[in-house]
N, C-alpha and C. Protein backbone atom coordinates (compact mmCIF):
# COMPACT_ATOMS: atom_id res chain seq x y z
N MET A 1 55.55 -15.11 0.10
CA MET A 1 54.80 -13.82 -0.66
C MET A 1 54.52 -12.40 0.48
N LYS A 2 55.19 -11.12 0.26
CA LYS A 2 55.25 -10.28 0.99
C LYS A 2 54.43 -8.93 0.72
N LEU A 3 53.36 -9.10 1.75
CA LEU A 3 52.27 -7.87 1.53
C LEU A 3 53.09 -6.28 1.90
N SER A 4 53.22 -5.58 1.16
CA SER A 4 53.33 -4.30 1.67
C SER A 4 52.42 -3.87 2.76
N LEU A 5 53.01 -2.93 3.67
CA LEU A 5 52.09 -2.17 4.84
C LEU A 5 50.70 -1.70 4.49
N PRO A 6 50.66 -0.90 3.34
CA PRO A 6 49.62 -0.46 2.95
C PRO A 6 48.46 -1.18 2.40
N LEU A 7 48.88 -2.33 1.82
CA LEU A 7 48.02 -3.15 1.21
C LEU A 7 47.20 -3.90 2.25
N LEU A 8 47.89 -4.51 3.03
CA LEU A 8 47.99 -4.86 4.39
C LEU A 8 46.79 -4.61 5.17
N ILE A 9 46.96 -3.18 5.21
CA ILE A 9 46.01 -2.14 6.01
C ILE A 9 44.43 -1.92 5.12
N ALA A 10 44.85 -1.79 3.78
CA ALA A 10 43.47 -1.95 2.78
C ALA A 10 42.93 -2.91 3.34
N LEU A 11 43.26 -4.49 3.07
CA LEU A 11 42.55 -5.54 3.22
C LEU A 11 41.75 -5.81 4.30
N VAL A 12 42.74 -5.31 5.79
CA VAL A 12 41.95 -5.68 6.70
C VAL A 12 41.14 -4.64 7.26
N SER A 13 40.91 -3.64 6.61
CA SER A 13 39.91 -2.35 6.87
C SER A 13 38.55 -2.69 5.62
N LEU A 14 38.62 -3.26 4.66
CA LEU A 14 37.96 -3.69 3.31
C LEU A 14 36.37 -4.02 3.89
N PRO A 15 36.29 -4.83 5.15
CA PRO A 15 35.20 -5.20 5.71
C PRO A 15 34.33 -4.00 6.25
N ALA A 16 34.74 -3.24 6.87
CA ALA A 16 34.66 -1.77 7.67
C ALA A 16 33.77 -1.01 6.80
N PHE A 17 34.45 -1.06 5.64
CA PHE A 17 33.95 -0.23 4.54
C PHE A 17 32.65 -0.70 4.00
N ALA A 18 32.50 -2.42 3.54
CA ALA A 18 31.64 -2.71 2.93
C ALA A 18 30.30 -2.83 3.91
N GLN A 19 30.37 -2.82 4.80
CA GLN A 19 29.19 -2.85 6.07
C GLN A 19 28.59 -1.60 6.08
N THR A 20 27.19 -1.46 5.46
CA THR A 20 26.34 -0.25 5.76
C THR A 20 25.58 -0.21 6.84
N PRO A 21 25.39 1.02 7.55
CA PRO A 21 24.74 0.84 8.95
C PRO A 21 23.27 0.63 8.46
N THR A 22 22.41 -0.54 9.31
CA THR A 22 21.25 -0.41 9.08
C THR A 22 20.45 1.09 10.03
N PRO A 23 19.36 1.65 8.87
CA PRO A 23 18.77 2.70 9.68
C PRO A 23 17.49 1.84 10.45
N ASP A 24 17.63 2.85 11.67
CA ASP A 24 16.45 2.65 12.80
C ASP A 24 15.27 3.09 12.25
N THR A 25 14.51 1.83 12.10
CA THR A 25 13.04 2.23 11.18
C THR A 25 11.77 1.90 12.15
N ALA A 26 11.90 1.92 13.40
CA ALA A 26 10.89 1.78 14.35
C ALA A 26 9.79 3.08 14.19
N THR A 27 10.47 4.21 14.46
CA THR A 27 9.57 5.34 14.04
C THR A 27 8.89 5.25 12.92
N ALA A 28 9.88 5.21 11.96
CA ALA A 28 8.75 5.03 10.47
C ALA A 28 8.01 3.92 10.68
N ARG A 29 7.82 2.92 11.05
CA ARG A 29 7.09 1.72 11.14
C ARG A 29 5.98 2.18 11.66
N ARG A 30 6.14 3.04 13.06
CA ARG A 30 5.10 3.30 13.88
C ARG A 30 4.23 4.30 13.28
N GLN A 31 4.79 5.37 12.37
CA GLN A 31 4.25 6.14 11.64
C GLN A 31 3.27 5.40 10.50
N ILE A 32 3.62 4.47 9.74
CA ILE A 32 3.09 3.79 8.81
C ILE A 32 2.01 3.16 9.17
N GLN A 33 2.39 2.59 10.65
CA GLN A 33 0.90 2.06 11.13
C GLN A 33 -0.03 2.94 11.15
N GLY A 34 0.29 4.07 11.61
CA GLY A 34 -0.64 5.28 12.10
C GLY A 34 -1.43 5.60 10.49
N VAL A 35 -0.60 5.34 9.39
CA VAL A 35 -1.64 5.96 8.32
C VAL A 35 -2.17 4.95 7.89
N ILE A 36 -2.03 3.43 8.20
CA ILE A 36 -2.73 2.55 7.90
C ILE A 36 -4.28 2.39 8.93
N GLU A 37 -3.85 2.70 9.82
CA GLU A 37 -5.18 3.06 10.98
C GLU A 37 -6.12 4.14 10.41
N ASP A 38 -5.48 4.87 10.03
CA ASP A 38 -6.34 6.49 9.58
C ASP A 38 -7.05 5.89 8.37
N PHE A 39 -6.34 5.30 7.68
CA PHE A 39 -7.10 4.74 6.27
C PHE A 39 -8.53 3.86 6.76
N ARG A 40 -8.29 2.99 7.32
CA ARG A 40 -9.00 2.36 7.99
C ARG A 40 -10.45 3.19 8.48
N GLN A 41 -9.80 3.91 9.48
CA GLN A 41 -10.86 4.91 10.35
C GLN A 41 -11.62 5.72 9.69
N SER A 42 -10.94 6.27 8.69
CA SER A 42 -11.45 7.13 7.59
C SER A 42 -12.50 6.44 6.87
N ILE A 43 -12.51 5.69 6.79
CA ILE A 43 -13.73 4.44 5.75
C ILE A 43 -14.58 4.26 6.65
N ILE A 44 -14.21 3.77 8.05
CA ILE A 44 -15.37 3.57 8.75
C ILE A 44 -16.77 4.97 9.19
N GLN A 45 -15.63 5.94 9.37
CA GLN A 45 -16.34 7.64 9.50
C GLN A 45 -16.75 8.39 8.47
N ARG A 46 -16.42 7.59 7.11
CA ARG A 46 -16.66 8.30 5.96
C ARG A 46 -16.36 9.90 5.76
N ASP A 47 -15.18 9.64 5.96
CA ASP A 47 -14.48 11.11 6.56
C ASP A 47 -13.57 11.38 5.31
N THR A 48 -14.18 11.29 4.51
CA THR A 48 -13.33 12.10 2.99
C THR A 48 -12.06 12.95 3.27
N LYS A 49 -12.27 13.92 3.64
CA LYS A 49 -11.51 14.93 3.93
C LYS A 49 -10.10 14.29 4.46
N LYS A 50 -10.30 13.83 5.72
CA LYS A 50 -8.70 12.66 6.52
C LYS A 50 -8.55 11.68 5.31
N PHE A 51 -9.53 10.93 4.66
CA PHE A 51 -8.98 9.92 3.56
C PHE A 51 -8.19 10.59 2.93
N LEU A 52 -8.22 11.90 2.15
CA LEU A 52 -7.77 12.16 0.72
C LEU A 52 -6.30 12.67 1.59
N THR A 53 -6.08 13.36 2.63
CA THR A 53 -5.00 13.73 2.98
C THR A 53 -3.93 12.55 3.28
N LEU A 54 -4.04 11.33 2.65
CA LEU A 54 -3.51 10.01 3.27
C LEU A 54 -2.54 10.20 2.15
N PHE A 55 -2.95 10.20 0.71
CA PHE A 55 -2.17 10.18 -0.63
C PHE A 55 -1.35 11.70 -0.71
N LEU A 56 -0.65 10.96 -1.92
CA LEU A 56 0.92 12.06 -2.26
C LEU A 56 -0.02 13.33 -2.78
N HIS A 57 -0.98 12.70 -3.97
CA HIS A 57 -1.79 13.22 -4.63
C HIS A 57 -3.22 12.66 -5.11
N ASP A 58 -3.98 13.13 -5.72
CA ASP A 58 -5.44 12.70 -6.13
C ASP A 58 -5.36 11.43 -7.21
N ASP A 59 -4.18 11.85 -7.91
CA ASP A 59 -4.07 10.98 -9.14
C ASP A 59 -3.15 9.92 -9.22
N ILE A 60 -2.64 9.32 -8.28
CA ILE A 60 -1.93 8.23 -7.78
C ILE A 60 -2.25 7.01 -8.88
N THR A 61 -1.18 6.27 -8.66
CA THR A 61 -2.16 4.71 -9.26
C THR A 61 -3.05 4.01 -8.15
N TRP A 62 -4.26 3.89 -8.68
CA TRP A 62 -5.06 3.22 -8.01
C TRP A 62 -5.38 2.13 -8.58
N GLN A 63 -5.28 0.89 -8.88
CA GLN A 63 -5.01 -0.35 -9.94
C GLN A 63 -5.42 -1.55 -9.11
N PRO A 64 -7.05 -1.91 -9.11
CA PRO A 64 -7.18 -3.27 -9.41
C PRO A 64 -6.93 -4.09 -10.35
N ALA A 65 -6.72 -5.59 -9.91
CA ALA A 65 -6.61 -6.53 -10.70
C ALA A 65 -7.54 -7.49 -10.08
N GLN A 66 -8.22 -8.21 -11.34
CA GLN A 66 -9.43 -8.94 -10.96
C GLN A 66 -8.75 -10.42 -10.81
N GLY A 67 -9.12 -11.15 -9.85
CA GLY A 67 -9.12 -12.77 -9.42
C GLY A 67 -9.56 -13.32 -10.75
N ASP A 68 -8.90 -14.54 -10.90
CA ASP A 68 -9.25 -15.31 -12.14
C ASP A 68 -10.58 -15.85 -12.11
N ALA A 69 -11.32 -16.31 -10.96
CA ALA A 69 -12.62 -16.73 -10.98
C ALA A 69 -13.45 -15.49 -11.00
N LEU A 70 -13.22 -14.19 -10.49
CA LEU A 70 -14.07 -13.25 -10.58
C LEU A 70 -14.15 -12.56 -12.16
N LEU A 71 -13.25 -12.65 -12.72
CA LEU A 71 -12.68 -12.03 -14.30
C LEU A 71 -13.67 -13.12 -15.11
N LYS A 72 -13.80 -14.72 -14.66
CA LYS A 72 -14.56 -15.08 -15.56
C LYS A 72 -16.02 -14.94 -15.29
N LYS A 73 -16.24 -14.79 -14.10
CA LYS A 73 -17.80 -14.19 -13.79
C LYS A 73 -18.39 -12.91 -14.88
N LEU A 74 -17.39 -11.88 -14.42
CA LEU A 74 -17.28 -10.67 -15.52
C LEU A 74 -17.34 -11.23 -16.93
N ARG A 75 -16.75 -11.77 -17.35
CA ARG A 75 -16.79 -12.16 -18.69
C ARG A 75 -18.05 -12.93 -19.18
N GLU A 76 -18.49 -13.27 -18.66
CA GLU A 76 -19.89 -13.95 -19.13
C GLU A 76 -20.93 -13.30 -19.08
N LYS A 77 -20.74 -12.22 -18.88
CA LYS A 77 -21.67 -10.58 -18.60
C LYS A 77 -21.07 -9.77 -19.60
N ASN A 78 -19.91 -9.72 -19.75
CA ASN A 78 -18.93 -8.68 -20.59
C ASN A 78 -17.66 -9.14 -21.18
N PRO A 79 -17.80 -9.82 -21.99
CA PRO A 79 -16.43 -10.55 -22.65
C PRO A 79 -15.53 -9.45 -22.77
N LYS A 80 -15.43 -8.39 -22.99
CA LYS A 80 -14.23 -7.37 -22.91
C LYS A 80 -13.80 -7.15 -21.52
N ALA A 81 -14.40 -7.56 -20.26
CA ALA A 81 -14.17 -7.50 -19.27
C ALA A 81 -12.33 -7.61 -19.32
N ARG A 82 -11.47 -6.48 -18.64
CA ARG A 82 -10.25 -6.68 -18.42
C ARG A 82 -9.76 -7.50 -17.01
N LYS A 83 -8.69 -8.17 -17.22
CA LYS A 83 -8.02 -8.37 -15.88
C LYS A 83 -7.75 -7.24 -15.03
N ALA A 84 -6.87 -6.40 -15.48
CA ALA A 84 -6.62 -4.84 -14.98
C ALA A 84 -7.19 -3.77 -15.58
N PRO A 85 -8.88 -3.49 -15.11
CA PRO A 85 -9.02 -2.69 -15.87
C PRO A 85 -8.55 -1.19 -15.40
N THR A 86 -8.35 -0.19 -16.30
CA THR A 86 -8.14 1.03 -16.14
C THR A 86 -9.24 2.25 -16.23
N HIS A 87 -9.56 3.13 -15.39
CA HIS A 87 -10.25 4.24 -15.95
C HIS A 87 -10.43 5.10 -14.73
N GLN A 88 -11.07 5.97 -15.44
CA GLN A 88 -11.06 7.61 -14.22
C GLN A 88 -11.52 6.85 -12.92
N LYS A 89 -12.44 6.37 -12.67
CA LYS A 89 -13.10 5.85 -11.46
C LYS A 89 -12.06 5.43 -10.33
N ASN A 90 -10.98 4.90 -11.06
CA ASN A 90 -9.95 4.13 -9.95
C ASN A 90 -9.18 5.54 -9.32
N SER A 91 -9.26 6.05 -8.39
CA SER A 91 -8.69 6.82 -7.50
C SER A 91 -9.10 6.84 -6.16
N PRO A 92 -8.44 7.71 -5.45
CA PRO A 92 -8.80 7.78 -4.23
C PRO A 92 -10.19 8.38 -3.98
N SER A 93 -10.43 9.67 -4.47
CA SER A 93 -11.40 10.32 -4.52
C SER A 93 -12.63 9.79 -4.67
N ALA A 94 -12.58 9.04 -6.16
CA ALA A 94 -13.41 8.23 -6.44
C ALA A 94 -14.30 7.10 -5.50
N PHE A 95 -13.13 6.52 -4.88
CA PHE A 95 -13.35 5.35 -3.90
C PHE A 95 -14.21 5.95 -2.16
N ILE A 96 -13.53 6.87 -2.01
CA ILE A 96 -14.28 7.37 -0.91
C ILE A 96 -15.53 8.06 -0.96
N ALA A 97 -15.74 8.69 -2.36
CA ALA A 97 -17.14 9.05 -2.56
C ALA A 97 -18.32 8.12 -2.49
N ASP A 98 -17.69 7.09 -3.01
CA ASP A 98 -18.59 5.90 -3.22
C ASP A 98 -18.90 5.60 -1.68
N ILE A 99 -18.12 5.48 -0.70
CA ILE A 99 -18.10 4.95 0.58
C ILE A 99 -19.01 5.83 1.30
N ALA A 100 -18.67 7.13 1.05
CA ALA A 100 -19.43 7.94 1.72
C ALA A 100 -21.31 8.22 1.33
N SER A 101 -21.41 7.97 -0.26
CA SER A 101 -22.56 8.05 -0.57
C SER A 101 -23.40 6.54 0.01
N ASP A 102 -22.95 5.72 0.15
CA ASP A 102 -23.26 4.35 0.21
C ASP A 102 -24.49 4.33 1.38
N LYS A 103 -25.51 3.65 1.51
CA LYS A 103 -26.28 3.70 2.81
C LYS A 103 -25.91 2.66 3.69
N GLU A 104 -25.06 2.20 3.79
CA GLU A 104 -24.69 1.04 4.47
C GLU A 104 -23.19 1.26 5.03
N PRO A 105 -22.72 0.85 6.15
CA PRO A 105 -21.23 0.96 6.70
C PRO A 105 -20.34 0.24 5.91
N SER A 106 -19.11 1.05 5.89
CA SER A 106 -18.12 0.02 5.12
C SER A 106 -17.05 -0.19 6.22
N GLU A 107 -16.19 -0.86 5.67
CA GLU A 107 -15.08 -1.07 6.54
C GLU A 107 -14.18 -2.09 5.73
N GLU A 108 -12.71 -1.82 5.95
CA GLU A 108 -11.64 -2.60 5.45
C GLU A 108 -10.82 -3.08 6.46
N LYS A 109 -10.72 -4.33 6.85
CA LYS A 109 -10.04 -5.29 7.60
C LYS A 109 -8.55 -5.56 6.88
N PHE A 110 -7.57 -5.25 8.00
CA PHE A 110 -6.49 -5.62 6.97
C PHE A 110 -5.65 -6.67 8.12
N ASN A 111 -4.94 -7.50 7.56
CA ASN A 111 -4.49 -8.86 8.38
C ASN A 111 -2.88 -9.16 7.73
N ASN A 112 -2.09 -9.47 8.20
CA ASN A 112 -0.93 -9.99 7.66
C ASN A 112 0.21 -8.83 7.21
N ILE A 113 -0.16 -7.39 8.15
CA ILE A 113 0.24 -6.63 7.58
C ILE A 113 2.08 -6.75 7.62
N ARG A 114 2.82 -6.44 6.50
CA ARG A 114 4.17 -6.41 6.18
C ARG A 114 4.73 -4.93 5.62
N ILE A 115 5.73 -4.11 6.51
CA ILE A 115 5.90 -3.16 6.17
C ILE A 115 7.73 -2.98 6.05
N GLU A 116 8.32 -2.74 4.83
CA GLU A 116 9.35 -2.71 4.67
C GLU A 116 9.56 -1.21 4.21
N THR A 117 10.75 -0.70 4.84
CA THR A 117 11.09 0.83 4.73
C THR A 117 12.49 0.97 5.16
N ASP A 118 13.04 2.00 4.43
CA ASP A 118 14.46 2.59 5.05
C ASP A 118 14.34 3.79 5.88
N GLY A 119 13.06 4.12 5.92
CA GLY A 119 12.59 5.62 6.72
C GLY A 119 11.98 6.76 5.69
N THR A 120 12.77 6.31 4.09
CA THR A 120 12.31 7.27 3.35
C THR A 120 11.29 6.78 2.48
N VAL A 121 11.49 5.67 1.97
CA VAL A 121 10.32 5.00 0.80
C VAL A 121 9.88 3.95 1.83
N ALA A 122 8.73 3.39 1.43
CA ALA A 122 8.12 2.31 2.10
C ALA A 122 6.92 1.51 1.20
N ALA A 123 6.87 0.12 1.46
CA ALA A 123 5.95 -0.79 0.92
C ALA A 123 5.60 -1.47 1.94
N VAL A 124 4.22 -1.56 1.79
CA VAL A 124 3.33 -1.92 2.68
C VAL A 124 2.49 -2.94 2.01
N SER A 125 2.36 -4.29 2.37
CA SER A 125 1.67 -5.23 1.92
C SER A 125 0.49 -5.85 2.84
N PHE A 126 -0.61 -6.18 2.98
CA PHE A 126 -1.50 -6.93 3.64
C PHE A 126 -2.72 -7.99 2.78
N ASP A 127 -3.50 -8.64 3.95
CA ASP A 127 -4.61 -9.35 3.34
C ASP A 127 -5.62 -8.49 3.55
N PHE A 128 -6.41 -8.25 3.32
CA PHE A 128 -7.77 -7.53 3.44
C PHE A 128 -9.03 -8.29 3.07
N THR A 129 -10.01 -7.89 3.80
CA THR A 129 -11.44 -8.11 3.41
C THR A 129 -12.44 -6.69 3.31
N PHE A 130 -12.92 -6.36 2.46
CA PHE A 130 -13.64 -5.25 2.54
C PHE A 130 -15.05 -5.64 2.69
N HIS A 131 -15.63 -4.95 3.75
CA HIS A 131 -17.29 -5.22 4.37
C HIS A 131 -17.91 -3.94 3.91
N LEU A 132 -19.19 -4.45 3.55
CA LEU A 132 -20.59 -3.45 3.25
C LEU A 132 -21.36 -3.86 3.83
N GLY A 133 -21.80 -3.25 4.86
CA GLY A 133 -22.81 -3.73 5.91
C GLY A 133 -22.39 -5.21 6.67
N ASP A 134 -22.67 -6.05 6.87
CA ASP A 134 -22.55 -7.21 7.33
C ASP A 134 -21.98 -8.43 6.26
N ARG A 135 -21.75 -8.04 4.86
CA ARG A 135 -21.31 -9.12 4.31
C ARG A 135 -19.84 -8.30 3.54
N VAL A 136 -18.90 -9.74 3.13
CA VAL A 136 -17.73 -9.11 2.60
C VAL A 136 -18.46 -9.27 0.95
N ILE A 137 -17.51 -8.14 0.56
CA ILE A 137 -17.47 -7.88 -0.82
C ILE A 137 -16.55 -7.97 -1.82
N ASN A 138 -15.41 -7.79 -0.89
CA ASN A 138 -13.93 -8.07 -1.90
C ASN A 138 -12.80 -8.91 -0.69
N ARG A 139 -12.00 -9.64 -1.00
CA ARG A 139 -10.88 -9.72 -0.67
C ARG A 139 -10.10 -10.17 -1.53
N GLY A 140 -8.76 -10.18 -0.64
CA GLY A 140 -7.39 -10.31 -1.53
C GLY A 140 -6.28 -9.88 -0.84
N GLN A 141 -5.32 -9.38 -1.59
CA GLN A 141 -4.18 -8.59 -1.04
C GLN A 141 -3.83 -6.86 -1.37
N GLU A 142 -3.41 -6.55 -0.82
CA GLU A 142 -3.14 -4.89 -1.24
C GLU A 142 -1.51 -4.41 -0.94
N HIS A 143 -1.21 -3.66 -2.06
CA HIS A 143 0.13 -3.49 -1.89
C HIS A 143 0.19 -2.12 -2.09
N TRP A 144 0.94 -1.27 -0.92
CA TRP A 144 0.87 0.48 -1.11
C TRP A 144 2.71 0.49 -1.08
N LEU A 145 2.81 1.80 -2.00
CA LEU A 145 4.11 2.36 -1.68
C LEU A 145 3.78 3.68 -1.27
N LEU A 146 4.59 4.16 -0.09
CA LEU A 146 4.52 5.13 0.28
C LEU A 146 5.69 6.16 0.52
N VAL A 147 5.93 7.37 0.56
CA VAL A 147 6.95 7.95 0.63
C VAL A 147 6.80 8.89 1.84
N ASN A 148 8.08 8.90 2.94
CA ASN A 148 8.30 10.20 3.59
C ASN A 148 8.16 11.63 3.19
N SER A 149 7.39 12.20 2.99
CA SER A 149 7.31 13.40 2.17
C SER A 149 7.33 14.79 3.32
N ASP A 150 7.42 15.75 3.13
CA ASP A 150 7.61 16.84 3.87
C ASP A 150 6.49 16.95 4.72
N ASN A 151 5.40 16.25 4.61
CA ASN A 151 4.21 16.23 5.00
C ASN A 151 3.65 15.10 5.82
N GLY A 152 5.09 14.30 5.94
CA GLY A 152 4.71 12.95 6.83
C GLY A 152 4.70 12.02 5.87
N TRP A 153 4.24 10.85 6.03
CA TRP A 153 4.04 9.65 5.01
C TRP A 153 2.93 9.79 4.20
N LYS A 154 3.04 9.49 3.11
CA LYS A 154 1.78 9.79 1.84
C LYS A 154 2.14 8.50 1.01
N ILE A 155 0.65 7.91 0.61
CA ILE A 155 0.71 6.84 0.01
C ILE A 155 0.94 7.30 -1.56
N ALA A 156 1.22 6.50 -2.27
CA ALA A 156 1.61 7.09 -3.60
C ALA A 156 1.20 6.13 -4.72
N SER A 157 0.75 5.05 -4.31
CA SER A 157 0.28 4.22 -5.27
C SER A 157 -0.24 2.87 -4.65
N VAL A 158 -1.61 2.45 -5.07
CA VAL A 158 -2.06 1.26 -3.95
C VAL A 158 -2.64 0.29 -5.68
N VAL A 159 -2.34 -0.85 -5.39
CA VAL A 159 -2.78 -1.90 -5.97
C VAL A 159 -3.28 -2.92 -5.36
N TYR A 160 -4.80 -3.65 -5.70
CA TYR A 160 -5.05 -4.69 -4.59
C TYR A 160 -5.84 -5.57 -5.71
N SER A 161 -6.02 -6.89 -5.44
CA SER A 161 -7.07 -7.85 -6.17
C SER A 161 -8.42 -7.76 -5.38
N ASN A 162 -8.74 -8.16 -6.95
CA ASN A 162 -10.41 -8.48 -6.47
C ASN A 162 -10.78 -9.85 -6.73
N ASN A 163 -11.23 -10.12 -5.61
CA ASN A 163 -11.58 -11.49 -5.49
C ASN A 163 -13.27 -12.08 -5.47
N ASP A 164 -13.95 -11.08 -5.21
CA ASP A 164 -15.39 -11.82 -4.58
C ASP A 164 -15.99 -10.59 -5.61
């Protein structure tokens, strides 16, 4: 079997075309870690203004999902309780307003942080505990989608579990 020279060159160079360079995401990861720390600190400091600057806009998806054990307890009190409730209170501004008005200190602690990014968009996932005063009032997983906007990294959606 004879191969023509142009066909041979095309076949030999095909792997070079198939490889897409991996973007250097170290800077993006550091910047996203900064967003996570700003989120954490603004809760501790009850800094509403700083907290709200972390979001693409106020009406992003802010979605809780009730864990099975919590949902069972909620349905004992209210049979219409939903696994994934939707209402106006689910927003960054409502969340930080509740924290700012509470007499006890609040803190959200993050563990097992995972960041996936190409430098333009990112998915951040972590395990969390939310503390009010000395007690944990929620624990679970939280997932954010972020975009690298003209004003830096901004959170475009937040989905989290309610397990306590």
